[in-house]
Full PDB file with SEQRES, HELIX, SHEET, SSBOND, CRYST1, ORIGX, SCALE, CONECT and MASTER records, all heavy atoms in Angstrom:
SEQRES   1 A   43  PRO GLU LEU GLU LYS PHE LEU GLY GLY ASN THR ASP GLY          
SEQRES   2 A   43  ILE THR ASP ILE VAL ILE ASP MET THR LYS LEU GLU TYR          
SEQRES   3 A   43  ILE SER SER ALA GLY LEU ARG VAL LEU LEU ALA ALA HIS          
SEQRES   4 A   43  LYS LYS ILE SER                                              
HELIX    1 AA1 GLU A    2  GLY A    9  1                                   8    
HELIX    2 AA2 SER A   29  ILE A   42  1                                  14    
CRYST1    1.000    1.000    1.000  90.00  90.00  90.00 P 1           1          
ORIGX1      1.000000  0.000000  0.000000        0.00000                         
ORIGX2      0.000000  1.000000  0.000000        0.00000                         
ORIGX3      0.000000  0.000000  1.000000        0.00000                         
SCALE1      1.000000  0.000000  0.000000        0.00000                         
SCALE2      0.000000  1.000000  0.000000        0.00000                         
SCALE3      0.000000  0.000000  1.000000        0.00000                         
ATOM      1  N   PRO A   1       5.746  -7.949   1.741  1.00  0.00           N  
ATOM      2  CA  PRO A   1       6.645  -7.146   2.652  1.00  0.00           C  
ATOM      3  C   PRO A   1       7.408  -6.003   1.968  1.00  0.00           C  
ATOM      4  O   PRO A   1       7.526  -4.952   2.525  1.00  0.00           O  
ATOM      5  CB  PRO A   1       7.620  -8.302   3.183  1.00  0.00           C  
ATOM      6  CG  PRO A   1       6.865  -9.494   3.107  1.00  0.00           C  
ATOM      7  CD  PRO A   1       6.032  -9.339   1.785  1.00  0.00           C  
ATOM      8  N   GLU A   2       7.660  -6.260   0.605  1.00  0.00           N  
ATOM      9  CA  GLU A   2       8.395  -5.184  -0.113  1.00  0.00           C  
ATOM     10  C   GLU A   2       7.445  -3.983  -0.280  1.00  0.00           C  
ATOM     11  O   GLU A   2       7.851  -2.786  -0.045  1.00  0.00           O  
ATOM     12  CB  GLU A   2       8.740  -5.667  -1.491  1.00  0.00           C  
ATOM     13  CG  GLU A   2       9.399  -4.731  -2.333  1.00  0.00           C  
ATOM     14  CD  GLU A   2       9.676  -5.392  -3.781  1.00  0.00           C  
ATOM     15  OE1 GLU A   2       9.537  -6.538  -4.006  1.00  0.00           O  
ATOM     16  OE2 GLU A   2      10.019  -4.657  -4.683  1.00  0.00           O  
ATOM     17  N   LEU A   3       6.151  -4.117  -0.582  1.00  0.00           N  
ATOM     18  CA  LEU A   3       5.278  -2.897  -0.725  1.00  0.00           C  
ATOM     19  C   LEU A   3       5.103  -2.435   0.741  1.00  0.00           C  
ATOM     20  O   LEU A   3       4.946  -1.250   0.757  1.00  0.00           O  
ATOM     21  CB  LEU A   3       3.844  -3.413  -1.299  1.00  0.00           C  
ATOM     22  CG  LEU A   3       2.838  -2.369  -1.479  1.00  0.00           C  
ATOM     23  CD1 LEU A   3       3.321  -1.266  -2.446  1.00  0.00           C  
ATOM     24  CD2 LEU A   3       1.605  -2.958  -2.049  1.00  0.00           C  
ATOM     25  N   GLU A   4       4.880  -3.159   1.705  1.00  0.00           N  
ATOM     26  CA  GLU A   4       4.744  -2.589   3.027  1.00  0.00           C  
ATOM     27  C   GLU A   4       5.934  -1.790   3.434  1.00  0.00           C  
ATOM     28  O   GLU A   4       5.689  -0.695   3.923  1.00  0.00           O  
ATOM     29  CB  GLU A   4       4.538  -3.788   4.044  1.00  0.00           C  
ATOM     30  CG  GLU A   4       4.240  -3.294   5.415  1.00  0.00           C  
ATOM     31  CD  GLU A   4       3.997  -4.608   6.343  1.00  0.00           C  
ATOM     32  OE1 GLU A   4       4.558  -5.655   6.218  1.00  0.00           O  
ATOM     33  OE2 GLU A   4       3.093  -4.421   7.191  1.00  0.00           O  
ATOM     34  N   LYS A   5       7.132  -2.239   3.232  1.00  0.00           N  
ATOM     35  CA  LYS A   5       8.338  -1.527   3.611  1.00  0.00           C  
ATOM     36  C   LYS A   5       8.264  -0.122   2.697  1.00  0.00           C  
ATOM     37  O   LYS A   5       8.584   0.953   3.159  1.00  0.00           O  
ATOM     38  CB  LYS A   5       9.534  -2.281   3.269  1.00  0.00           C  
ATOM     39  CG  LYS A   5      10.863  -1.654   3.558  1.00  0.00           C  
ATOM     40  CD  LYS A   5      12.084  -2.520   3.356  1.00  0.00           C  
ATOM     41  CE  LYS A   5      13.312  -1.794   3.664  1.00  0.00           C  
ATOM     42  NZ  LYS A   5      14.531  -2.699   3.380  1.00  0.00           N  
ATOM     43  N   PHE A   6       7.997  -0.316   1.427  1.00  0.00           N  
ATOM     44  CA  PHE A   6       7.982   0.838   0.569  1.00  0.00           C  
ATOM     45  C   PHE A   6       7.058   1.977   1.063  1.00  0.00           C  
ATOM     46  O   PHE A   6       7.326   3.172   1.198  1.00  0.00           O  
ATOM     47  CB  PHE A   6       7.706   0.506  -0.953  1.00  0.00           C  
ATOM     48  CG  PHE A   6       7.399   1.689  -1.751  1.00  0.00           C  
ATOM     49  CD1 PHE A   6       8.553   2.306  -2.346  1.00  0.00           C  
ATOM     50  CD2 PHE A   6       6.165   2.263  -2.064  1.00  0.00           C  
ATOM     51  CE1 PHE A   6       8.417   3.472  -3.201  1.00  0.00           C  
ATOM     52  CE2 PHE A   6       6.072   3.344  -2.835  1.00  0.00           C  
ATOM     53  CZ  PHE A   6       7.115   3.942  -3.334  1.00  0.00           C  
ATOM     54  N   LEU A   7       5.713   1.549   1.408  1.00  0.00           N  
ATOM     55  CA  LEU A   7       4.830   2.457   1.796  1.00  0.00           C  
ATOM     56  C   LEU A   7       5.138   3.046   3.172  1.00  0.00           C  
ATOM     57  O   LEU A   7       4.923   4.252   3.478  1.00  0.00           O  
ATOM     58  CB  LEU A   7       3.386   1.815   1.805  1.00  0.00           C  
ATOM     59  CG  LEU A   7       2.727   1.490   0.463  1.00  0.00           C  
ATOM     60  CD1 LEU A   7       1.466   0.674   0.623  1.00  0.00           C  
ATOM     61  CD2 LEU A   7       2.508   2.809  -0.346  1.00  0.00           C  
ATOM     62  N   GLY A   8       5.743   2.232   4.041  1.00  0.00           N  
ATOM     63  CA  GLY A   8       6.161   2.733   5.398  1.00  0.00           C  
ATOM     64  C   GLY A   8       7.199   3.841   5.259  1.00  0.00           C  
ATOM     65  O   GLY A   8       7.323   4.684   6.126  1.00  0.00           O  
ATOM     66  N   GLY A   9       8.063   3.706   4.330  1.00  0.00           N  
ATOM     67  CA  GLY A   9       9.193   4.599   4.306  1.00  0.00           C  
ATOM     68  C   GLY A   9       9.050   5.785   3.241  1.00  0.00           C  
ATOM     69  O   GLY A   9       9.925   6.616   3.212  1.00  0.00           O  
ATOM     70  N   ASN A  10       7.869   5.820   2.556  1.00  0.00           N  
ATOM     71  CA  ASN A  10       7.667   6.885   1.543  1.00  0.00           C  
ATOM     72  C   ASN A  10       6.467   7.744   1.630  1.00  0.00           C  
ATOM     73  O   ASN A  10       6.036   8.422   0.852  1.00  0.00           O  
ATOM     74  CB  ASN A  10       7.669   6.237   0.216  1.00  0.00           C  
ATOM     75  CG  ASN A  10       9.060   5.870  -0.358  1.00  0.00           C  
ATOM     76  OD1 ASN A  10       9.906   6.525  -0.509  1.00  0.00           O  
ATOM     77  ND2 ASN A  10       9.277   4.597  -0.256  1.00  0.00           N  
ATOM     78  N   THR A  11       5.914   7.843   2.872  1.00  0.00           N  
ATOM     79  CA  THR A  11       4.634   8.507   3.072  1.00  0.00           C  
ATOM     80  C   THR A  11       4.688   9.794   3.895  1.00  0.00           C  
ATOM     81  O   THR A  11       3.663  10.370   4.157  1.00  0.00           O  
ATOM     82  CB  THR A  11       3.507   7.535   3.662  1.00  0.00           C  
ATOM     83  OG1 THR A  11       4.071   7.002   4.905  1.00  0.00           O  
ATOM     84  CG2 THR A  11       3.128   6.539   2.670  1.00  0.00           C  
ATOM     85  N   ASP A  12       5.840  10.112   4.317  1.00  0.00           N  
ATOM     86  CA  ASP A  12       6.094  11.347   5.134  1.00  0.00           C  
ATOM     87  C   ASP A  12       5.707  12.574   4.347  1.00  0.00           C  
ATOM     88  O   ASP A  12       6.227  12.645   3.217  1.00  0.00           O  
ATOM     89  CB  ASP A  12       7.481  11.503   5.618  1.00  0.00           C  
ATOM     90  CG  ASP A  12       7.866  10.574   6.847  1.00  0.00           C  
ATOM     91  OD1 ASP A  12       6.927  10.022   7.423  1.00  0.00           O  
ATOM     92  OD2 ASP A  12       9.016  10.251   7.016  1.00  0.00           O  
ATOM     93  N   GLY A  13       4.808  13.364   4.819  1.00  0.00           N  
ATOM     94  CA  GLY A  13       4.449  14.452   3.971  1.00  0.00           C  
ATOM     95  C   GLY A  13       3.386  14.242   2.911  1.00  0.00           C  
ATOM     96  O   GLY A  13       2.879  15.110   2.203  1.00  0.00           O  
ATOM     97  N   ILE A  14       2.894  13.002   2.854  1.00  0.00           N  
ATOM     98  CA  ILE A  14       1.843  12.497   1.813  1.00  0.00           C  
ATOM     99  C   ILE A  14       0.574  12.533   2.377  1.00  0.00           C  
ATOM    100  O   ILE A  14       0.287  12.043   3.525  1.00  0.00           O  
ATOM    101  CB  ILE A  14       2.282  11.072   1.255  1.00  0.00           C  
ATOM    102  CG1 ILE A  14       3.603  11.109   0.593  1.00  0.00           C  
ATOM    103  CG2 ILE A  14       1.136  10.587   0.329  1.00  0.00           C  
ATOM    104  CD1 ILE A  14       3.791  11.928  -0.592  1.00  0.00           C  
ATOM    105  N   THR A  15      -0.422  13.162   1.651  1.00  0.00           N  
ATOM    106  CA  THR A  15      -1.757  13.128   2.146  1.00  0.00           C  
ATOM    107  C   THR A  15      -2.613  12.304   1.405  1.00  0.00           C  
ATOM    108  O   THR A  15      -3.769  11.764   1.765  1.00  0.00           O  
ATOM    109  CB  THR A  15      -2.331  14.697   2.089  1.00  0.00           C  
ATOM    110  OG1 THR A  15      -2.201  15.154   0.849  1.00  0.00           O  
ATOM    111  CG2 THR A  15      -1.715  15.594   3.046  1.00  0.00           C  
ATOM    112  N   ASP A  16      -2.200  12.001   0.106  1.00  0.00           N  
ATOM    113  CA  ASP A  16      -3.011  11.091  -0.746  1.00  0.00           C  
ATOM    114  C   ASP A  16      -2.115  10.073  -1.409  1.00  0.00           C  
ATOM    115  O   ASP A  16      -1.139  10.490  -2.048  1.00  0.00           O  
ATOM    116  CB  ASP A  16      -3.707  12.001  -1.844  1.00  0.00           C  
ATOM    117  CG  ASP A  16      -4.702  12.888  -1.254  1.00  0.00           C  
ATOM    118  OD1 ASP A  16      -5.641  12.606  -0.640  1.00  0.00           O  
ATOM    119  OD2 ASP A  16      -4.494  14.178  -1.461  1.00  0.00           O  
ATOM    120  N   ILE A  17      -2.551   8.828  -1.435  1.00  0.00           N  
ATOM    121  CA  ILE A  17      -1.848   7.684  -2.100  1.00  0.00           C  
ATOM    122  C   ILE A  17      -2.825   7.097  -3.073  1.00  0.00           C  
ATOM    123  O   ILE A  17      -3.937   6.823  -2.866  1.00  0.00           O  
ATOM    124  CB  ILE A  17      -1.534   6.604  -1.110  1.00  0.00           C  
ATOM    125  CG1 ILE A  17      -0.529   7.190  -0.015  1.00  0.00           C  
ATOM    126  CG2 ILE A  17      -0.762   5.409  -1.884  1.00  0.00           C  
ATOM    127  CD1 ILE A  17      -0.262   6.228   1.114  1.00  0.00           C  
ATOM    128  N   VAL A  18      -2.203   7.134  -4.494  1.00  0.00           N  
ATOM    129  CA  VAL A  18      -3.038   6.474  -5.445  1.00  0.00           C  
ATOM    130  C   VAL A  18      -2.174   5.240  -5.822  1.00  0.00           C  
ATOM    131  O   VAL A  18      -1.040   5.388  -6.082  1.00  0.00           O  
ATOM    132  CB  VAL A  18      -3.173   7.217  -6.689  1.00  0.00           C  
ATOM    133  CG1 VAL A  18      -3.815   6.510  -7.803  1.00  0.00           C  
ATOM    134  CG2 VAL A  18      -4.082   8.542  -6.280  1.00  0.00           C  
ATOM    135  N   ILE A  19      -2.753   3.988  -5.721  1.00  0.00           N  
ATOM    136  CA  ILE A  19      -2.039   2.693  -6.176  1.00  0.00           C  
ATOM    137  C   ILE A  19      -2.657   2.336  -7.558  1.00  0.00           C  
ATOM    138  O   ILE A  19      -3.888   1.950  -7.574  1.00  0.00           O  
ATOM    139  CB  ILE A  19      -2.150   1.680  -5.090  1.00  0.00           C  
ATOM    140  CG1 ILE A  19      -1.486   2.171  -3.826  1.00  0.00           C  
ATOM    141  CG2 ILE A  19      -1.419   0.387  -5.656  1.00  0.00           C  
ATOM    142  CD1 ILE A  19      -1.528   1.213  -2.689  1.00  0.00           C  
ATOM    143  N   ASP A  20      -1.761   2.421  -8.534  1.00  0.00           N  
ATOM    144  CA  ASP A  20      -2.368   2.066  -9.803  1.00  0.00           C  
ATOM    145  C   ASP A  20      -1.931   0.546  -9.940  1.00  0.00           C  
ATOM    146  O   ASP A  20      -0.896   0.110 -10.034  1.00  0.00           O  
ATOM    147  CB  ASP A  20      -1.542   2.838 -10.908  1.00  0.00           C  
ATOM    148  CG  ASP A  20      -2.064   2.725 -12.363  1.00  0.00           C  
ATOM    149  OD1 ASP A  20      -2.696   1.565 -12.675  1.00  0.00           O  
ATOM    150  OD2 ASP A  20      -1.928   3.606 -13.083  1.00  0.00           O  
ATOM    151  N   MET A  21      -3.014  -0.256 -10.285  1.00  0.00           N  
ATOM    152  CA  MET A  21      -2.920  -1.657 -10.362  1.00  0.00           C  
ATOM    153  C   MET A  21      -3.107  -2.203 -11.860  1.00  0.00           C  
ATOM    154  O   MET A  21      -3.481  -3.302 -11.940  1.00  0.00           O  
ATOM    155  CB  MET A  21      -3.968  -2.282  -9.424  1.00  0.00           C  
ATOM    156  CG  MET A  21      -3.802  -2.004  -8.115  1.00  0.00           C  
ATOM    157  SD  MET A  21      -5.020  -3.004  -6.897  1.00  0.00           S  
ATOM    158  CE  MET A  21      -4.001  -2.780  -5.432  1.00  0.00           C  
ATOM    159  N   THR A  22      -2.769  -1.296 -12.793  1.00  0.00           N  
ATOM    160  CA  THR A  22      -2.909  -1.632 -14.191  1.00  0.00           C  
ATOM    161  C   THR A  22      -2.284  -2.961 -14.626  1.00  0.00           C  
ATOM    162  O   THR A  22      -2.800  -3.759 -15.224  1.00  0.00           O  
ATOM    163  CB  THR A  22      -2.446  -0.618 -15.069  1.00  0.00           C  
ATOM    164  OG1 THR A  22      -3.053   0.686 -14.965  1.00  0.00           O  
ATOM    165  CG2 THR A  22      -2.449  -0.864 -16.585  1.00  0.00           C  
ATOM    166  N   LYS A  23      -1.032  -3.162 -13.955  1.00  0.00           N  
ATOM    167  CA  LYS A  23      -0.309  -4.312 -14.368  1.00  0.00           C  
ATOM    168  C   LYS A  23      -0.106  -5.319 -13.178  1.00  0.00           C  
ATOM    169  O   LYS A  23       0.638  -6.271 -13.155  1.00  0.00           O  
ATOM    170  CB  LYS A  23       1.118  -3.994 -14.855  1.00  0.00           C  
ATOM    171  CG  LYS A  23       1.136  -3.058 -16.067  1.00  0.00           C  
ATOM    172  CD  LYS A  23       2.512  -2.733 -16.529  1.00  0.00           C  
ATOM    173  CE  LYS A  23       2.333  -1.980 -17.776  1.00  0.00           C  
ATOM    174  NZ  LYS A  23       3.774  -1.639 -18.242  1.00  0.00           N  
ATOM    175  N   LEU A  24      -1.248  -5.293 -12.151  1.00  0.00           N  
ATOM    176  CA  LEU A  24      -1.227  -6.229 -11.184  1.00  0.00           C  
ATOM    177  C   LEU A  24      -1.904  -7.401 -11.533  1.00  0.00           C  
ATOM    178  O   LEU A  24      -3.097  -7.272 -11.978  1.00  0.00           O  
ATOM    179  CB  LEU A  24      -1.822  -5.564  -9.892  1.00  0.00           C  
ATOM    180  CG  LEU A  24      -1.786  -6.551  -8.676  1.00  0.00           C  
ATOM    181  CD1 LEU A  24      -0.358  -6.815  -8.131  1.00  0.00           C  
ATOM    182  CD2 LEU A  24      -2.704  -6.062  -7.543  1.00  0.00           C  
ATOM    183  N   GLU A  25      -1.395  -8.507 -11.492  1.00  0.00           N  
ATOM    184  CA  GLU A  25      -2.011  -9.819 -12.025  1.00  0.00           C  
ATOM    185  C   GLU A  25      -2.691 -10.582 -10.861  1.00  0.00           C  
ATOM    186  O   GLU A  25      -3.607 -11.359 -11.289  1.00  0.00           O  
ATOM    187  CB  GLU A  25      -0.978 -10.802 -12.570  1.00  0.00           C  
ATOM    188  CG  GLU A  25      -0.073 -10.082 -13.708  1.00  0.00           C  
ATOM    189  CD  GLU A  25       1.151 -10.810 -14.042  1.00  0.00           C  
ATOM    190  OE1 GLU A  25       1.571 -11.876 -13.398  1.00  0.00           O  
ATOM    191  OE2 GLU A  25       1.857 -10.203 -14.886  1.00  0.00           O  
ATOM    192  N   TYR A  26      -2.174 -10.474  -9.708  1.00  0.00           N  
ATOM    193  CA  TYR A  26      -2.785 -11.382  -8.667  1.00  0.00           C  
ATOM    194  C   TYR A  26      -2.599 -10.662  -7.275  1.00  0.00           C  
ATOM    195  O   TYR A  26      -1.587  -9.972  -7.095  1.00  0.00           O  
ATOM    196  CB  TYR A  26      -1.993 -12.592  -8.527  1.00  0.00           C  
ATOM    197  CG  TYR A  26      -2.291 -13.607  -7.509  1.00  0.00           C  
ATOM    198  CD1 TYR A  26      -3.380 -14.443  -7.408  1.00  0.00           C  
ATOM    199  CD2 TYR A  26      -1.345 -13.551  -6.380  1.00  0.00           C  
ATOM    200  CE1 TYR A  26      -3.622 -15.225  -6.295  1.00  0.00           C  
ATOM    201  CE2 TYR A  26      -1.624 -14.498  -5.368  1.00  0.00           C  
ATOM    202  CZ  TYR A  26      -2.767 -15.263  -5.360  1.00  0.00           C  
ATOM    203  OH  TYR A  26      -3.056 -16.057  -4.255  1.00  0.00           O  
ATOM    204  N   ILE A  27      -3.427 -10.976  -6.291  1.00  0.00           N  
ATOM    205  CA  ILE A  27      -3.298 -10.495  -4.908  1.00  0.00           C  
ATOM    206  C   ILE A  27      -3.725 -11.488  -3.974  1.00  0.00           C  
ATOM    207  O   ILE A  27      -4.687 -12.195  -4.267  1.00  0.00           O  
ATOM    208  CB  ILE A  27      -4.154  -9.141  -4.705  1.00  0.00           C  
ATOM    209  CG1 ILE A  27      -3.768  -8.458  -3.422  1.00  0.00           C  
ATOM    210  CG2 ILE A  27      -5.551  -9.325  -4.919  1.00  0.00           C  
ATOM    211  CD1 ILE A  27      -4.220  -7.181  -3.211  1.00  0.00           C  
ATOM    212  N   SER A  28      -2.964 -11.714  -2.953  1.00  0.00           N  
ATOM    213  CA  SER A  28      -3.231 -12.705  -1.970  1.00  0.00           C  
ATOM    214  C   SER A  28      -3.590 -11.998  -0.635  1.00  0.00           C  
ATOM    215  O   SER A  28      -3.787 -10.769  -0.578  1.00  0.00           O  
ATOM    216  CB  SER A  28      -1.976 -13.601  -1.720  1.00  0.00           C  
ATOM    217  OG  SER A  28      -1.126 -12.895  -0.904  1.00  0.00           O  
ATOM    218  N   SER A  29      -4.067 -12.842   0.286  1.00  0.00           N  
ATOM    219  CA  SER A  29      -4.456 -12.192   1.612  1.00  0.00           C  
ATOM    220  C   SER A  29      -3.273 -11.356   2.220  1.00  0.00           C  
ATOM    221  O   SER A  29      -3.580 -10.249   2.868  1.00  0.00           O  
ATOM    222  CB  SER A  29      -4.812 -13.284   2.646  1.00  0.00           C  
ATOM    223  OG  SER A  29      -3.787 -14.111   2.852  1.00  0.00           O  
ATOM    224  N   ALA A  30      -2.121 -11.713   1.980  1.00  0.00           N  
ATOM    225  CA  ALA A  30      -0.982 -10.916   2.446  1.00  0.00           C  
ATOM    226  C   ALA A  30      -0.986  -9.576   1.860  1.00  0.00           C  
ATOM    227  O   ALA A  30      -0.724  -8.596   2.439  1.00  0.00           O  
ATOM    228  CB  ALA A  30       0.325 -11.719   2.163  1.00  0.00           C  
ATOM    229  N   GLY A  31      -1.279  -9.499   0.499  1.00  0.00           N  
ATOM    230  CA  GLY A  31      -1.390  -8.156  -0.136  1.00  0.00           C  
ATOM    231  C   GLY A  31      -2.479  -7.313   0.391  1.00  0.00           C  
ATOM    232  O   GLY A  31      -2.439  -6.151   0.522  1.00  0.00           O  
ATOM    233  N   LEU A  32      -3.643  -8.073   0.623  1.00  0.00           N  
ATOM    234  CA  LEU A  32      -4.859  -7.414   1.161  1.00  0.00           C  
ATOM    235  C   LEU A  32      -4.515  -6.796   2.575  1.00  0.00           C  
ATOM    236  O   LEU A  32      -4.890  -5.622   2.816  1.00  0.00           O  
ATOM    237  CB  LEU A  32      -5.989  -8.463   1.341  1.00  0.00           C  
ATOM    238  CG  LEU A  32      -6.591  -8.911   0.066  1.00  0.00           C  
ATOM    239  CD1 LEU A  32      -7.510  -9.955   0.318  1.00  0.00           C  
ATOM    240  CD2 LEU A  32      -7.248  -7.921  -0.694  1.00  0.00           C  
ATOM    241  N   ARG A  33      -3.767  -7.341   3.370  1.00  0.00           N  
ATOM    242  CA  ARG A  33      -3.334  -6.968   4.734  1.00  0.00           C  
ATOM    243  C   ARG A  33      -2.425  -5.650   4.548  1.00  0.00           C  
ATOM    244  O   ARG A  33      -2.787  -4.680   5.249  1.00  0.00           O  
ATOM    245  CB  ARG A  33      -2.555  -8.020   5.548  1.00  0.00           C  
ATOM    246  CG  ARG A  33      -2.252  -7.570   6.863  1.00  0.00           C  
ATOM    247  CD  ARG A  33      -1.208  -8.591   7.558  1.00  0.00           C  
ATOM    248  NE  ARG A  33       0.038  -8.802   6.763  1.00  0.00           N  
ATOM    249  CZ  ARG A  33       0.981  -7.912   6.761  1.00  0.00           C  
ATOM    250  NH1 ARG A  33       1.035  -6.735   7.391  1.00  0.00           N  
ATOM    251  NH2 ARG A  33       2.178  -8.207   6.003  1.00  0.00           N  
ATOM    252  N   VAL A  34      -1.619  -5.663   3.641  1.00  0.00           N  
ATOM    253  CA  VAL A  34      -0.718  -4.401   3.416  1.00  0.00           C  
ATOM    254  C   VAL A  34      -1.611  -3.255   2.943  1.00  0.00           C  
ATOM    255  O   VAL A  34      -1.497  -2.221   3.496  1.00  0.00           O  
ATOM    256  CB  VAL A  34       0.446  -4.820   2.350  1.00  0.00           C  
ATOM    257  CG1 VAL A  34       1.026  -3.520   1.982  1.00  0.00           C  
ATOM    258  CG2 VAL A  34       1.406  -5.746   2.858  1.00  0.00           C  
ATOM    259  N   LEU A  35      -2.599  -3.397   2.038  1.00  0.00           N  
ATOM    260  CA  LEU A  35      -3.488  -2.416   1.588  1.00  0.00           C  
ATOM    261  C   LEU A  35      -4.382  -1.846   2.706  1.00  0.00           C  
ATOM    262  O   LEU A  35      -4.573  -0.755   2.881  1.00  0.00           O  
ATOM    263  CB  LEU A  35      -4.389  -2.780   0.406  1.00  0.00           C  
ATOM    264  CG  LEU A  35      -3.521  -3.266  -0.885  1.00  0.00           C  
ATOM    265  CD1 LEU A  35      -4.528  -3.727  -1.975  1.00  0.00           C  
ATOM    266  CD2 LEU A  35      -2.692  -1.963  -1.371  1.00  0.00           C  
ATOM    267  N   LEU A  36      -4.803  -2.801   3.446  1.00  0.00           N  
ATOM    268  CA  LEU A  36      -5.617  -2.458   4.616  1.00  0.00           C  
ATOM    269  C   LEU A  36      -4.925  -1.666   5.669  1.00  0.00           C  
ATOM    270  O   LEU A  36      -5.287  -0.567   6.231  1.00  0.00           O  
ATOM    271  CB  LEU A  36      -6.290  -3.619   5.430  1.00  0.00           C  
ATOM    272  CG  LEU A  36      -7.370  -3.348   6.419  1.00  0.00           C  
ATOM    273  CD1 LEU A  36      -8.587  -2.660   5.876  1.00  0.00           C  
ATOM    274  CD2 LEU A  36      -7.756  -4.694   6.991  1.00  0.00           C  
ATOM    275  N   ALA A  37      -3.553  -2.036   6.039  1.00  0.00           N  
ATOM    276  CA  ALA A  37      -2.786  -1.310   6.917  1.00  0.00           C  
ATOM    277  C   ALA A  37      -2.387   0.217   6.365  1.00  0.00           C  
ATOM    278  O   ALA A  37      -2.437   1.160   7.093  1.00  0.00           O  
ATOM    279  CB  ALA A  37      -1.501  -1.993   7.208  1.00  0.00           C  
ATOM    280  N   ALA A  38      -2.140   0.358   5.107  1.00  0.00           N  
ATOM    281  CA  ALA A  38      -1.876   1.529   4.418  1.00  0.00           C  
ATOM    282  C   ALA A  38      -3.110   2.441   4.432  1.00  0.00           C  
ATOM    283  O   ALA A  38      -2.994   3.633   4.797  1.00  0.00           O  
ATOM    284  CB  ALA A  38      -1.361   1.277   2.945  1.00  0.00           C  
ATOM    285  N   HIS A  39      -4.260   1.866   4.176  1.00  0.00           N  
ATOM    286  CA  HIS A  39      -5.533   2.541   4.399  1.00  0.00           C  
ATOM    287  C   HIS A  39      -5.750   3.151   5.658  1.00  0.00           C  
ATOM    288  O   HIS A  39      -6.090   4.338   5.947  1.00  0.00           O  
ATOM    289  CB  HIS A  39      -6.704   1.706   3.918  1.00  0.00           C  
ATOM    290  CG  HIS A  39      -8.068   2.348   4.222  1.00  0.00           C  
ATOM    291  ND1 HIS A  39      -8.572   3.446   3.548  1.00  0.00           N  
ATOM    292  CD2 HIS A  39      -8.859   1.958   5.170  1.00  0.00           C  
ATOM    293  CE1 HIS A  39      -9.717   3.704   4.078  1.00  0.00           C  
ATOM    294  NE2 HIS A  39      -9.917   2.815   5.028  1.00  0.00           N  
ATOM    295  N   LYS A  40      -5.502   2.309   6.732  1.00  0.00           N  
ATOM    296  CA  LYS A  40      -5.662   2.611   8.158  1.00  0.00           C  
ATOM    297  C   LYS A  40      -4.762   3.854   8.475  1.00  0.00           C  
ATOM    298  O   LYS A  40      -5.146   4.736   9.115  1.00  0.00           O  
ATOM    299  CB  LYS A  40      -5.494   1.519   8.957  1.00  0.00           C  
ATOM    300  CG  LYS A  40      -6.048   1.636  10.307  1.00  0.00           C  
ATOM    301  CD  LYS A  40      -5.845   0.324  11.023  1.00  0.00           C  
ATOM    302  CE  LYS A  40      -6.634   0.218  12.276  1.00  0.00           C  
ATOM    303  NZ  LYS A  40      -6.553  -1.036  12.965  1.00  0.00           N  
ATOM    304  N   LYS A  41      -3.417   3.799   7.912  1.00  0.00           N  
ATOM    305  CA  LYS A  41      -2.453   4.685   8.292  1.00  0.00           C  
ATOM    306  C   LYS A  41      -2.748   6.128   7.640  1.00  0.00           C  
ATOM    307  O   LYS A  41      -2.819   7.143   8.203  1.00  0.00           O  
ATOM    308  CB  LYS A  41      -1.106   4.260   7.975  1.00  0.00           C  
ATOM    309  CG  LYS A  41      -0.031   5.228   8.292  1.00  0.00           C  
ATOM    310  CD  LYS A  41       1.447   4.827   7.874  1.00  0.00           C  
ATOM    311  CE  LYS A  41       2.424   5.847   8.216  1.00  0.00           C  
ATOM    312  NZ  LYS A  41       3.735   5.294   7.806  1.00  0.00           N  
ATOM    313  N   ILE A  42      -2.993   5.990   6.363  1.00  0.00           N  
ATOM    314  CA  ILE A  42      -3.347   7.288   5.593  1.00  0.00           C  
ATOM    315  C   ILE A  42      -4.579   7.960   5.926  1.00  0.00           C  
ATOM    316  O   ILE A  42      -4.710   9.144   5.773  1.00  0.00           O  
ATOM    317  CB  ILE A  42      -3.061   7.111   4.076  1.00  0.00           C  
ATOM    318  CG1 ILE A  42      -2.871   8.485   3.363  1.00  0.00           C  
ATOM    319  CG2 ILE A  42      -4.210   6.373   3.527  1.00  0.00           C  
ATOM    320  CD1 ILE A  42      -1.453   9.060   3.581  1.00  0.00           C  
ATOM    321  N   SER A  43      -5.561   7.092   6.292  1.00  0.00           N  
ATOM    322  CA  SER A  43      -7.001   7.703   6.532  1.00  0.00           C  
ATOM    323  C   SER A  43      -7.025   8.712   7.649  1.00  0.00           C  
ATOM    324  O   SER A  43      -7.888   9.595   7.816  1.00  0.00           O  
ATOM    325  CB  SER A  43      -7.891   6.652   6.757  1.00  0.00           C  
ATOM    326  OG  SER A  43      -7.700   5.972   7.993  1.00  0.00           O  
TER     327      SER A  43                                                      
MASTER        0    0    0    2    0    0    0    6  326    1    0    4          
END                                                                             
């Protein structure tokens, strides 16, 4: 929910989003859902 809120409030005027996962250790289905929603919105 933190990432979802962040992406929802910071994409005005943005045409490209790069998410750097260098230090991401784990992702669950909840994280996958947020990425899919962000992809759908920005696409």
